[in-house]
Structure formats: C-alpha cells, structure tokens
Amino acid sequence: MKKITLAVALFLVGCSLKDPIDRLRPYKIDIHQGNEVTQAMLDQLKPGMTPAQVRYILGTPLIVDPFHVDRWDYVLRIEQAGKVVDQRRVTVIFREGRLQGIQTDGLSAAAQGDTP
C-alpha cells in the first residue's frame, strides 16, 4: 500500500509542474566569430599606409569582396546562449594601394579599451 501511495504522490507532483518539457532545451554555446578590432588598433592606422601595413595591425580581413578590391571589412559577432550580444563592423578603404579612410559601425565599450 505504501508503494502505491508513493507512486501516486510522485505522479501527482510530476503532473503539477508547469510544462516540464519546456525546461528541456539544448545547450547553446557562446560563439565569438570574426575579427576583434580595438580602438588602440585603429589609432595606429594612418592615411597613406600600404595594405600590408594595415594587415599587420588589424590582421586578415574577414571579408575581401572581389568586386570591391579597395575595401576590406572586419566583422565581429558575439552570441551568448543563442542571442546576439555584440555586433561590430570596421571597413577599411584603399585608393591606389594606400589607406584612404576607415568607417566604423559603432565600437562597443569593450572595444574602446585595449582588451583583445
């Protein structure tokens, strides 16, 4: 009798939980994808630098468009638990083989410092 009472009690407790299947979700890993470009790195860039000098400072760009060879894009995307928490883009423009300009799509507070 005690076994049946215990089984019924456990069954009722299990049924009283609100949607227990909803809690069973797969683990989502943190994804850090792209190039980390800090403000300190951008401060080292000067107009007139060669592409090799820019590559030495910033690293290899994530996107080199074959239709726009004078443009390099450094993109960073950070996801935590499946949600985008940070997304940045730095575009480097060259003219005649020399650095002409830099466009940033809002560096976050973490990128303002020297943290790699």
Protein backbone atom coordinates (compact mmCIF):
# COMPACT_ATOMS: atom_id res chain seq x y z
CA MET A 1 0.00 0.00 0.00
CA LYS A 2 2.86 2.36 0.80
CA LYS A 3 4.38 1.75 -2.64
CA ILE A 4 1.14 2.63 -4.41
CA THR A 5 0.67 5.77 -2.30
CA LEU A 6 4.25 6.82 -3.03
CA ALA A 7 3.80 6.19 -6.76
CA VAL A 8 0.55 8.20 -6.85
CA ALA A 9 2.16 11.04 -4.87
CA LEU A 10 5.13 11.17 -7.26
CA PHE A 11 2.79 11.07 -10.24
CA LEU A 12 0.73 13.98 -8.91
CA VAL A 13 3.85 16.03 -8.12
CA GLY A 14 5.12 15.39 -11.65
CA CYS A 15 1.82 16.47 -13.15
CA SER A 16 1.72 19.65 -11.10
CA LEU A 17 4.87 21.04 -12.73
CA LYS A 18 4.17 23.63 -15.38
CA ASP A 19 5.26 22.27 -18.73
CA PRO A 20 8.37 20.28 -17.72
CA ILE A 21 9.24 19.69 -21.38
CA ASP A 22 9.69 23.44 -21.83
CA ARG A 23 12.68 23.32 -19.47
CA LEU A 24 14.43 20.68 -21.55
CA ARG A 25 16.30 22.74 -24.09
CA PRO A 26 19.61 22.08 -25.79
CA TYR A 27 22.68 23.87 -24.51
CA LYS A 28 23.68 26.75 -26.78
CA ILE A 29 27.36 27.56 -26.83
CA ASP A 30 28.83 31.05 -26.91
CA ILE A 31 30.01 31.96 -30.41
CA HIS A 32 32.77 34.51 -30.98
CA GLN A 33 33.13 34.92 -34.72
CA GLY A 34 35.16 37.42 -36.70
CA ASN A 35 37.90 39.96 -36.07
CA GLU A 36 38.36 41.77 -32.76
CA VAL A 37 39.34 45.35 -33.64
CA THR A 38 40.03 47.65 -30.70
CA GLN A 39 40.28 51.42 -30.61
CA ALA A 40 44.01 51.09 -29.88
CA MET A 41 44.44 49.19 -33.14
CA LEU A 42 42.50 51.82 -35.08
CA ASP A 43 44.63 54.59 -33.53
CA GLN A 44 47.74 53.02 -35.10
CA LEU A 45 46.33 53.39 -38.63
CA LYS A 46 47.44 56.45 -40.60
CA PRO A 47 46.34 57.62 -44.04
CA GLY A 48 48.72 56.50 -46.77
CA MET A 49 49.62 53.13 -45.21
CA THR A 50 50.01 50.16 -47.54
CA PRO A 51 47.65 47.17 -47.37
CA ALA A 52 50.49 45.08 -45.88
CA GLN A 53 50.91 47.57 -43.03
CA VAL A 54 47.16 47.60 -42.36
CA ARG A 55 47.06 43.79 -42.41
CA TYR A 56 49.94 43.71 -39.90
CA ILE A 57 47.99 45.94 -37.47
CA LEU A 58 44.44 44.64 -37.90
CA GLY A 59 45.04 41.11 -39.17
CA THR A 60 43.49 39.41 -42.16
CA PRO A 61 40.07 40.86 -43.00
CA LEU A 62 37.06 38.61 -42.68
CA ILE A 63 35.58 39.82 -45.97
CA VAL A 64 37.51 40.80 -49.10
CA ASP A 65 34.98 41.47 -51.84
CA PRO A 66 36.28 40.58 -55.32
CA PHE A 67 34.09 43.33 -56.78
CA HIS A 68 35.49 45.98 -54.42
CA VAL A 69 39.19 45.16 -54.09
CA ASP A 70 39.90 48.52 -52.41
CA ARG A 71 37.62 47.70 -49.48
CA TRP A 72 38.25 45.36 -46.53
CA ASP A 73 35.61 44.52 -43.94
CA TYR A 74 36.41 43.39 -40.42
CA VAL A 75 33.25 41.97 -38.84
CA LEU A 76 32.74 40.74 -35.28
CA ARG A 77 29.66 38.91 -34.00
CA ILE A 78 29.30 37.55 -30.46
CA GLU A 79 26.41 35.30 -29.45
CA GLN A 80 25.69 34.09 -25.94
CA ALA A 81 23.02 31.46 -25.35
CA GLY A 82 21.78 31.90 -28.91
CA LYS A 83 21.30 35.68 -28.67
CA VAL A 84 23.46 38.30 -30.37
CA VAL A 85 25.07 40.45 -27.67
CA ASP A 86 27.61 42.36 -29.78
CA GLN A 87 27.97 43.03 -33.48
CA ARG A 88 30.55 45.39 -34.98
CA ARG A 89 31.90 46.24 -38.41
CA VAL A 90 35.04 48.14 -39.42
CA THR A 91 35.53 48.96 -43.09
CA VAL A 92 38.95 49.96 -44.42
CA ILE A 93 39.03 51.85 -47.74
CA PHE A 94 42.09 51.99 -50.02
CA ARG A 95 42.71 54.23 -53.04
CA GLU A 96 45.59 53.49 -55.40
CA GLY A 97 47.11 51.00 -52.95
CA ARG A 98 47.13 53.37 -49.95
CA LEU A 99 44.85 53.68 -46.93
CA GLN A 100 42.31 56.42 -47.54
CA GLY A 101 39.74 56.02 -44.78
CA ILE A 102 38.14 53.94 -42.05
CA GLN A 103 34.43 53.53 -41.35
CA THR A 104 33.29 52.03 -38.05
CA ASP A 105 29.85 50.74 -37.27
CA GLY A 106 29.90 51.66 -33.59
CA LEU A 107 32.62 50.13 -31.47
CA SER A 108 31.24 48.80 -28.21
CA ALA A 109 32.53 49.82 -24.79
CA ALA A 110 34.73 46.70 -24.64
CA ALA A 111 36.42 47.69 -27.91
CA GLN A 112 37.24 51.16 -26.65
CA GLY A 113 39.91 49.78 -24.33
CA ASP A 114 42.95 47.64 -25.02
CA THR A 115 41.20 44.37 -24.26
CA PRO A 116 41.88 41.91 -27.08
